[in-house]
Amino acid sequence: MSGPTHRDGPLAFVDSLEHPELTDGDRHHLARVLRVRPGTEMVVCDGAGSWRRARFDETIDLVGPIEHEVPSTPALRIGFSLIKGDRPELIVQKLTELGIDGIVPFTSDHSVVHWEPKRQVRQHERFVTIAREASMQCRRTVLPEISPLTTFAELAAGSPPPVMAEFDGGPVADLIATPTAPTKPITVLIGPEGGWSEAERRSGLATVRIGRHILRAETAAIAAGILLDSLR
């Protein structure tokens, strides 16, 4: 019978697994929000896949060796064009829960949302916080990489090139069922409410179909995460 895993009990991130210390915010969340009592076993992890069991108290008492979670392959990234309201935060939260490795907000030709530099910094910090909290909630030991705001053109020039979510695109399964899939990361880009511009469609990027119907931007991003992770 296998022993306890990183999914058993509350989880928190620390800078050092040898000398773990909780931030004030994490300690408050565990004690006041989750009602974790002193002496309760928990998991501390470094955000990069290494973790160990410990005991929650005024100081964190270590009760298990350092373990290492093997990363899933291929690495998966979802890029989403900026949309209105708090839907970007929903996307970040749900993609984190689904195990997506990288989340990339970007602007495209039909984006109706544009952030000034100061807001870009604030929103990036907010996304990182949301991803961290979602990782604690879902017992995820590897924090996703949250990229700063970028552009479609910069993403399209990347290597390996991303693919665009498009209604008449190819099957999602084709992204995984290729000889190079186990080693090369996969990036799927989700367009804005107004869809891709003609120039973006002529970018030469491959396309993939996420669903049978026209999806809202946030639905497409979450659906892409579900499909890719289940195929992986």
C-alpha atoms as a PDB file:
ATOM      1  CA  MET A   1       0.000   0.000   0.000  1.00  0.00           C
ATOM      2  CA  SER A   2       1.463   3.371  -0.989  1.00  0.00           C
ATOM      3  CA  GLY A   3       2.133   6.049   1.607  1.00  0.00           C
ATOM      4  CA  PRO A   4       0.868   9.626   1.777  1.00  0.00           C
ATOM      5  CA  THR A   5       1.355  11.788  -1.310  1.00  0.00           C
ATOM      6  CA  HIS A   6       1.520  15.512  -1.980  1.00  0.00           C
ATOM      7  CA  ARG A   7      -2.251  15.466  -2.489  1.00  0.00           C
ATOM      8  CA  ASP A   8      -2.933  14.461   1.104  1.00  0.00           C
ATOM      9  CA  GLY A   9      -3.522  17.486   3.333  1.00  0.00           C
ATOM     10  CA  PRO A  10      -2.965  21.214   2.809  1.00  0.00           C
ATOM     11  CA  LEU A  11      -0.078  22.384   0.628  1.00  0.00           C
ATOM     12  CA  ALA A  12       2.064  25.516   0.779  1.00  0.00           C
ATOM     13  CA  PHE A  13       5.091  26.820  -1.120  1.00  0.00           C
ATOM     14  CA  VAL A  14       8.373  27.612   0.598  1.00  0.00           C
ATOM     15  CA  ASP A  15      11.768  28.896  -0.493  1.00  0.00           C
ATOM     16  CA  SER A  16      13.703  26.078   1.182  1.00  0.00           C
ATOM     17  CA  LEU A  17      12.664  22.471   1.768  1.00  0.00           C
ATOM     18  CA  GLU A  18      15.492  22.067   4.259  1.00  0.00           C
ATOM     19  CA  HIS A  19      14.386  25.041   6.370  1.00  0.00           C
ATOM     20  CA  PRO A  20      10.763  25.755   5.360  1.00  0.00           C
ATOM     21  CA  GLU A  21       9.133  28.978   6.474  1.00  0.00           C
ATOM     22  CA  LEU A  22       5.617  30.062   5.591  1.00  0.00           C
ATOM     23  CA  THR A  23       4.826  33.567   4.457  1.00  0.00           C
ATOM     24  CA  ASP A  24       2.477  35.536   6.684  1.00  0.00           C
ATOM     25  CA  GLY A  25      -0.190  35.320   3.994  1.00  0.00           C
ATOM     26  CA  ASP A  26       0.079  31.535   3.660  1.00  0.00           C
ATOM     27  CA  ARG A  27       0.072  31.031   7.435  1.00  0.00           C
ATOM     28  CA  HIS A  28      -3.060  33.181   7.745  1.00  0.00           C
ATOM     29  CA  HIS A  29      -4.719  31.303   4.870  1.00  0.00           C
ATOM     30  CA  LEU A  30      -3.966  27.920   6.418  1.00  0.00           C
ATOM     31  CA  ALA A  31      -4.938  28.859   9.976  1.00  0.00           C
ATOM     32  CA  ARG A  32      -7.856  31.244   9.419  1.00  0.00           C
ATOM     33  CA  VAL A  33      -9.354  30.250   6.073  1.00  0.00           C
ATOM     34  CA  LEU A  34      -8.684  26.501   5.896  1.00  0.00           C
ATOM     35  CA  ARG A  35      -8.854  26.098   9.711  1.00  0.00           C
ATOM     36  CA  VAL A  36      -5.731  23.940   9.773  1.00  0.00           C
ATOM     37  CA  ARG A  37      -4.966  23.070  13.385  1.00  0.00           C
ATOM     38  CA  PRO A  38      -1.508  22.919  14.959  1.00  0.00           C
ATOM     39  CA  GLY A  39       0.000  19.458  14.503  1.00  0.00           C
ATOM     40  CA  THR A  40      -1.840  18.776  11.221  1.00  0.00           C
ATOM     41  CA  GLU A  41       0.270  17.094   8.561  1.00  0.00           C
ATOM     42  CA  MET A  42       0.746  19.117   5.407  1.00  0.00           C
ATOM     43  CA  VAL A  43       2.988  19.351   2.355  1.00  0.00           C
ATOM     44  CA  VAL A  44       5.626  21.973   1.656  1.00  0.00           C
ATOM     45  CA  CYS A  45       7.026  22.270  -1.856  1.00  0.00           C
ATOM     46  CA  ASP A  46       9.386  24.452  -3.840  1.00  0.00           C
ATOM     47  CA  GLY A  47       7.127  25.129  -6.833  1.00  0.00           C
ATOM     48  CA  ALA A  48       9.424  23.148  -9.136  1.00  0.00           C
ATOM     49  CA  GLY A  49       8.196  19.629  -8.364  1.00  0.00           C
ATOM     50  CA  SER A  50      10.089  18.832  -5.160  1.00  0.00           C
ATOM     51  CA  TRP A  51       8.112  18.407  -1.943  1.00  0.00           C
ATOM     52  CA  ARG A  52       8.089  16.820   1.474  1.00  0.00           C
ATOM     53  CA  ARG A  53       5.622  16.151   4.229  1.00  0.00           C
ATOM     54  CA  ALA A  54       5.674  18.354   7.297  1.00  0.00           C
ATOM     55  CA  ARG A  55       3.579  19.345  10.288  1.00  0.00           C
ATOM     56  CA  PHE A  56       1.837  22.702  10.644  1.00  0.00           C
ATOM     57  CA  ASP A  57       2.718  24.621  13.814  1.00  0.00           C
ATOM     58  CA  GLU A  58       4.433  27.798  14.969  1.00  0.00           C
ATOM     59  CA  THR A  59       7.446  26.357  13.179  1.00  0.00           C
ATOM     60  CA  ILE A  60       7.160  23.819  10.368  1.00  0.00           C
ATOM     61  CA  ASP A  61       8.308  20.415  11.595  1.00  0.00           C
ATOM     62  CA  LEU A  62       9.603  18.086   8.888  1.00  0.00           C
ATOM     63  CA  VAL A  63       8.239  14.536   8.960  1.00  0.00           C
ATOM     64  CA  GLY A  64       9.254  13.101   5.579  1.00  0.00           C
ATOM     65  CA  PRO A  65      12.063  13.026   3.019  1.00  0.00           C
ATOM     66  CA  ILE A  66      12.228  15.253  -0.044  1.00  0.00           C
ATOM     67  CA  GLU A  67      10.298  13.698  -2.921  1.00  0.00           C
ATOM     68  CA  HIS A  68      10.356  14.630  -6.595  1.00  0.00           C
ATOM     69  CA  GLU A  69       7.415  14.640  -8.994  1.00  0.00           C
ATOM     70  CA  VAL A  70       8.267  13.601 -12.559  1.00  0.00           C
ATOM     71  CA  PRO A  71       7.078  16.324 -14.972  1.00  0.00           C
ATOM     72  CA  SER A  72       4.501  15.450 -17.606  1.00  0.00           C
ATOM     73  CA  THR A  73       5.492  15.701 -21.252  1.00  0.00           C
ATOM     74  CA  PRO A  74       5.114  17.423 -23.570  1.00  0.00           C
ATOM     75  CA  ALA A  75       5.037  20.784 -21.812  1.00  0.00           C
ATOM     76  CA  LEU A  76       1.774  22.603 -22.540  1.00  0.00           C
ATOM     77  CA  ARG A  77       1.224  26.360 -22.894  1.00  0.00           C
ATOM     78  CA  ILE A  78      -1.975  28.279 -23.554  1.00  0.00           C
ATOM     79  CA  GLY A  79      -1.861  31.838 -24.846  1.00  0.00           C
ATOM     80  CA  PHE A  80      -4.999  33.966 -24.645  1.00  0.00           C
ATOM     81  CA  SER A  81      -5.748  37.344 -26.158  1.00  0.00           C
ATOM     82  CA  LEU A  82      -6.825  39.939 -23.608  1.00  0.00           C
ATOM     83  CA  ILE A  83     -10.547  40.084 -22.916  1.00  0.00           C
ATOM     84  CA  LYS A  84     -12.758  42.272 -20.734  1.00  0.00           C
ATOM     85  CA  GLY A  85     -13.596  42.019 -17.047  1.00  0.00           C
ATOM     86  CA  ASP A  86     -12.261  39.395 -14.682  1.00  0.00           C
ATOM     87  CA  ARG A  87     -12.344  36.599 -17.260  1.00  0.00           C
ATOM     88  CA  PRO A  88      -8.537  36.618 -17.695  1.00  0.00           C
ATOM     89  CA  GLU A  89      -8.222  35.826 -13.991  1.00  0.00           C
ATOM     90  CA  LEU A  90     -10.676  32.940 -14.418  1.00  0.00           C
ATOM     91  CA  ILE A  91      -8.563  31.611 -17.299  1.00  0.00           C
ATOM     92  CA  VAL A  92      -5.375  31.713 -15.229  1.00  0.00           C
ATOM     93  CA  GLN A  93      -7.050  29.996 -12.280  1.00  0.00           C
ATOM     94  CA  LYS A  94      -8.594  27.166 -14.296  1.00  0.00           C
ATOM     95  CA  LEU A  95      -5.551  26.518 -16.501  1.00  0.00           C
ATOM     96  CA  THR A  96      -3.475  26.233 -13.340  1.00  0.00           C
ATOM     97  CA  GLU A  97      -5.899  23.686 -11.898  1.00  0.00           C
ATOM     98  CA  LEU A  98      -5.766  21.728 -15.160  1.00  0.00           C
ATOM     99  CA  GLY A  99      -1.977  21.394 -15.009  1.00  0.00           C
ATOM    100  CA  ILE A 100      -1.015  23.680 -17.901  1.00  0.00           C
ATOM    101  CA  ASP A 101       2.707  24.498 -17.682  1.00  0.00           C
ATOM    102  CA  GLY A 102       2.703  27.993 -19.169  1.00  0.00           C
ATOM    103  CA  ILE A 103       0.067  30.743 -19.465  1.00  0.00           C
ATOM    104  CA  VAL A 104       0.673  33.626 -21.862  1.00  0.00           C
ATOM    105  CA  PRO A 105      -1.561  36.720 -22.146  1.00  0.00           C
ATOM    106  CA  PHE A 106      -1.100  38.594 -25.408  1.00  0.00           C
ATOM    107  CA  THR A 107      -2.568  41.321 -27.575  1.00  0.00           C
ATOM    108  CA  SER A 108      -3.807  40.718 -31.113  1.00  0.00           C
ATOM    109  CA  ASP A 109      -5.168  42.849 -33.945  1.00  0.00           C
ATOM    110  CA  HIS A 110      -8.788  42.582 -32.781  1.00  0.00           C
ATOM    111  CA  SER A 111      -8.093  42.934 -29.052  1.00  0.00           C
ATOM    112  CA  VAL A 112     -10.470  45.416 -27.457  1.00  0.00           C
ATOM    113  CA  VAL A 113      -8.522  45.500 -24.187  1.00  0.00           C
ATOM    114  CA  HIS A 114      -5.205  47.329 -23.946  1.00  0.00           C
ATOM    115  CA  TRP A 115      -3.211  47.734 -20.736  1.00  0.00           C
ATOM    116  CA  GLU A 116      -0.855  50.597 -20.028  1.00  0.00           C
ATOM    117  CA  PRO A 117       2.613  49.600 -18.736  1.00  0.00           C
ATOM    118  CA  LYS A 118       1.762  50.100 -15.053  1.00  0.00           C
ATOM    119  CA  ARG A 119      -1.332  47.950 -15.350  1.00  0.00           C
ATOM    120  CA  GLN A 120       0.645  45.289 -17.202  1.00  0.00           C
ATOM    121  CA  VAL A 121       2.920  44.987 -14.176  1.00  0.00           C
ATOM    122  CA  ARG A 122      -0.011  44.905 -11.734  1.00  0.00           C
ATOM    123  CA  GLN A 123      -1.914  42.314 -13.733  1.00  0.00           C
ATOM    124  CA  HIS A 124       1.129  40.091 -14.104  1.00  0.00           C
ATOM    125  CA  GLU A 125       1.623  40.162 -10.334  1.00  0.00           C
ATOM    126  CA  ARG A 126      -2.067  39.417  -9.881  1.00  0.00           C
ATOM    127  CA  PHE A 127      -1.923  36.455 -12.292  1.00  0.00           C
ATOM    128  CA  VAL A 128       1.110  35.038 -10.451  1.00  0.00           C
ATOM    129  CA  THR A 129      -0.780  35.292  -7.154  1.00  0.00           C
ATOM    130  CA  ILE A 130      -3.871  33.627  -8.609  1.00  0.00           C
ATOM    131  CA  ALA A 131      -1.795  30.780 -10.049  1.00  0.00           C
ATOM    132  CA  ARG A 132      -0.023  30.277  -6.720  1.00  0.00           C
ATOM    133  CA  GLU A 133      -3.290  30.176  -4.766  1.00  0.00           C
ATOM    134  CA  ALA A 134      -4.869  27.828  -7.308  1.00  0.00           C
ATOM    135  CA  SER A 135      -1.825  25.541  -7.113  1.00  0.00           C
ATOM    136  CA  MET A 136      -2.182  25.352  -3.322  1.00  0.00           C
ATOM    137  CA  GLN A 137      -5.877  24.571  -3.672  1.00  0.00           C
ATOM    138  CA  CYS A 138      -5.411  21.787  -6.237  1.00  0.00           C
ATOM    139  CA  ARG A 139      -2.258  20.348  -4.570  1.00  0.00           C
ATOM    140  CA  ARG A 140      -0.029  21.135  -7.521  1.00  0.00           C
ATOM    141  CA  THR A 141       3.711  21.014  -6.801  1.00  0.00           C
ATOM    142  CA  VAL A 142       4.916  22.768  -9.967  1.00  0.00           C
ATOM    143  CA  LEU A 143       3.878  26.395 -10.362  1.00  0.00           C
ATOM    144  CA  PRO A 144       2.943  27.370 -13.917  1.00  0.00           C
ATOM    145  CA  GLU A 145       5.062  29.957 -15.681  1.00  0.00           C
ATOM    146  CA  ILE A 146       3.004  33.133 -16.076  1.00  0.00           C
ATOM    147  CA  SER A 147       4.485  35.194 -18.895  1.00  0.00           C
ATOM    148  CA  PRO A 148       4.315  38.982 -19.013  1.00  0.00           C
ATOM    149  CA  LEU A 149       1.989  40.473 -21.598  1.00  0.00           C
ATOM    150  CA  THR A 150       3.291  39.960 -25.127  1.00  0.00           C
ATOM    151  CA  THR A 151       1.983  40.234 -28.700  1.00  0.00           C
ATOM    152  CA  PHE A 152       0.709  37.792 -31.283  1.00  0.00           C
ATOM    153  CA  ALA A 153       3.616  38.666 -33.561  1.00  0.00           C
ATOM    154  CA  GLU A 154       6.181  37.817 -30.872  1.00  0.00           C
ATOM    155  CA  LEU A 155       4.491  34.505 -30.135  1.00  0.00           C
ATOM    156  CA  ALA A 156       4.151  33.622 -33.824  1.00  0.00           C
ATOM    157  CA  ALA A 157       7.902  34.078 -34.249  1.00  0.00           C
ATOM    158  CA  GLY A 158       8.675  31.625 -31.450  1.00  0.00           C
ATOM    159  CA  SER A 159      10.233  28.186 -31.790  1.00  0.00           C
ATOM    160  CA  PRO A 160       8.626  25.751 -31.934  1.00  0.00           C
ATOM    161  CA  PRO A 161       5.833  27.812 -33.499  1.00  0.00           C
ATOM    162  CA  PRO A 162       2.477  27.905 -31.706  1.00  0.00           C
ATOM    163  CA  VAL A 163      -0.815  26.830 -33.238  1.00  0.00           C
ATOM    164  CA  MET A 164      -3.943  28.956 -33.497  1.00  0.00           C
ATOM    165  CA  ALA A 165      -7.357  27.857 -32.244  1.00  0.00           C
ATOM    166  CA  GLU A 166      -9.695  28.152 -35.233  1.00  0.00           C
ATOM    167  CA  PHE A 167     -13.140  26.701 -35.917  1.00  0.00           C
ATOM    168  CA  ASP A 168     -12.025  24.973 -39.124  1.00  0.00           C
ATOM    169  CA  GLY A 169      -8.681  23.777 -37.720  1.00  0.00           C
ATOM    170  CA  GLY A 170      -7.400  20.233 -37.420  1.00  0.00           C
ATOM    171  CA  PRO A 171      -7.972  17.762 -34.565  1.00  0.00           C
ATOM    172  CA  VAL A 172      -6.369  18.550 -31.215  1.00  0.00           C
ATOM    173  CA  ALA A 173      -5.158  14.948 -31.004  1.00  0.00           C
ATOM    174  CA  ASP A 174      -2.778  15.601 -33.912  1.00  0.00           C
ATOM    175  CA  LEU A 175      -0.738  17.918 -31.674  1.00  0.00           C
ATOM    176  CA  ILE A 176       0.081  15.080 -29.294  1.00  0.00           C
ATOM    177  CA  ALA A 177       0.233  12.143 -31.706  1.00  0.00           C
ATOM    178  CA  THR A 178       3.414  13.201 -33.502  1.00  0.00           C
ATOM    179  CA  PRO A 179       6.942  11.776 -33.234  1.00  0.00           C
ATOM    180  CA  THR A 180       8.298  15.032 -31.780  1.00  0.00           C
ATOM    181  CA  ALA A 181       5.469  15.605 -29.283  1.00  0.00           C
ATOM    182  CA  PRO A 182       7.178  14.027 -26.242  1.00  0.00           C
ATOM    183  CA  THR A 183      10.071  16.502 -26.358  1.00  0.00           C
ATOM    184  CA  LYS A 184       8.782  19.717 -27.898  1.00  0.00           C
ATOM    185  CA  PRO A 185       6.440  22.014 -25.950  1.00  0.00           C
ATOM    186  CA  ILE A 186       3.028  22.733 -27.425  1.00  0.00           C
ATOM    187  CA  THR A 187       1.534  26.230 -27.415  1.00  0.00           C
ATOM    188  CA  VAL A 188      -2.072  26.917 -28.420  1.00  0.00           C
ATOM    189  CA  LEU A 189      -3.194  30.506 -28.970  1.00  0.00           C
ATOM    190  CA  ILE A 190      -6.784  31.583 -28.262  1.00  0.00           C
ATOM    191  CA  GLY A 191      -7.962  34.668 -30.144  1.00  0.00           C
ATOM    192  CA  PRO A 192     -10.107  37.581 -28.902  1.00  0.00           C
ATOM    193  CA  GLU A 193     -13.888  37.968 -29.049  1.00  0.00           C
ATOM    194  CA  GLY A 194     -13.633  39.424 -32.540  1.00  0.00           C
ATOM    195  CA  GLY A 195     -11.593  36.514 -33.854  1.00  0.00           C
ATOM    196  CA  TRP A 196      -8.306  36.541 -35.731  1.00  0.00           C
ATOM    197  CA  SER A 197      -7.534  39.243 -38.272  1.00  0.00           C
ATOM    198  CA  GLU A 198      -6.804  38.340 -41.889  1.00  0.00           C
ATOM    199  CA  ALA A 199      -3.145  39.188 -41.333  1.00  0.00           C
ATOM    200  CA  GLU A 200      -2.979  36.799 -38.374  1.00  0.00           C
ATOM    201  CA  ARG A 201      -4.678  34.080 -40.394  1.00  0.00           C
ATOM    202  CA  ARG A 202      -1.996  34.541 -43.070  1.00  0.00           C
ATOM    203  CA  SER A 203       0.797  34.137 -40.506  1.00  0.00           C
ATOM    204  CA  GLY A 204       1.445  30.581 -41.621  1.00  0.00           C
ATOM    205  CA  LEU A 205       0.703  29.025 -38.234  1.00  0.00           C
ATOM    206  CA  ALA A 206      -1.121  25.712 -38.092  1.00  0.00           C
ATOM    207  CA  THR A 207      -4.671  25.754 -36.736  1.00  0.00           C
ATOM    208  CA  VAL A 208      -6.529  23.464 -34.367  1.00  0.00           C
ATOM    209  CA  ARG A 209     -10.221  23.084 -33.607  1.00  0.00           C
ATOM    210  CA  ILE A 210     -11.235  23.203 -29.943  1.00  0.00           C
ATOM    211  CA  GLY A 211     -14.973  22.495 -30.106  1.00  0.00           C
ATOM    212  CA  ARG A 212     -17.967  21.802 -32.318  1.00  0.00           C
ATOM    213  CA  HIS A 213     -19.358  25.313 -31.840  1.00  0.00           C
ATOM    214  CA  ILE A 214     -18.083  28.891 -31.716  1.00  0.00           C
ATOM    215  CA  LEU A 215     -16.757  29.273 -28.167  1.00  0.00           C
ATOM    216  CA  ARG A 216     -16.320  32.309 -25.987  1.00  0.00           C
ATOM    217  CA  ALA A 217     -12.660  33.193 -25.537  1.00  0.00           C
ATOM    218  CA  GLU A 218     -12.467  32.047 -21.920  1.00  0.00           C
ATOM    219  CA  THR A 219     -14.337  28.816 -22.728  1.00  0.00           C
ATOM    220  CA  ALA A 220     -11.939  28.074 -25.585  1.00  0.00           C
ATOM    221  CA  ALA A 221      -8.892  28.612 -23.369  1.00  0.00           C
ATOM    222  CA  ILE A 222     -10.195  26.308 -20.640  1.00  0.00           C
ATOM    223  CA  ALA A 223     -11.408  23.709 -23.157  1.00  0.00           C
ATOM    224  CA  ALA A 224      -8.003  23.698 -24.838  1.00  0.00           C
ATOM    225  CA  GLY A 225      -6.370  23.053 -21.475  1.00  0.00           C
ATOM    226  CA  ILE A 226      -8.717  20.146 -20.743  1.00  0.00           C
ATOM    227  CA  LEU A 227      -8.225  18.545 -24.155  1.00  0.00           C
ATOM    228  CA  LEU A 228      -4.455  18.881 -24.226  1.00  0.00           C
ATOM    229  CA  ASP A 229      -3.886  17.634 -20.683  1.00  0.00           C
ATOM    230  CA  SER A 230      -6.218  14.657 -21.143  1.00  0.00           C
ATOM    231  CA  LEU A 231      -4.429  13.664 -24.372  1.00  0.00           C
ATOM    232  CA  ARG A 232      -1.050  14.076 -22.668  1.00  0.00           C
END
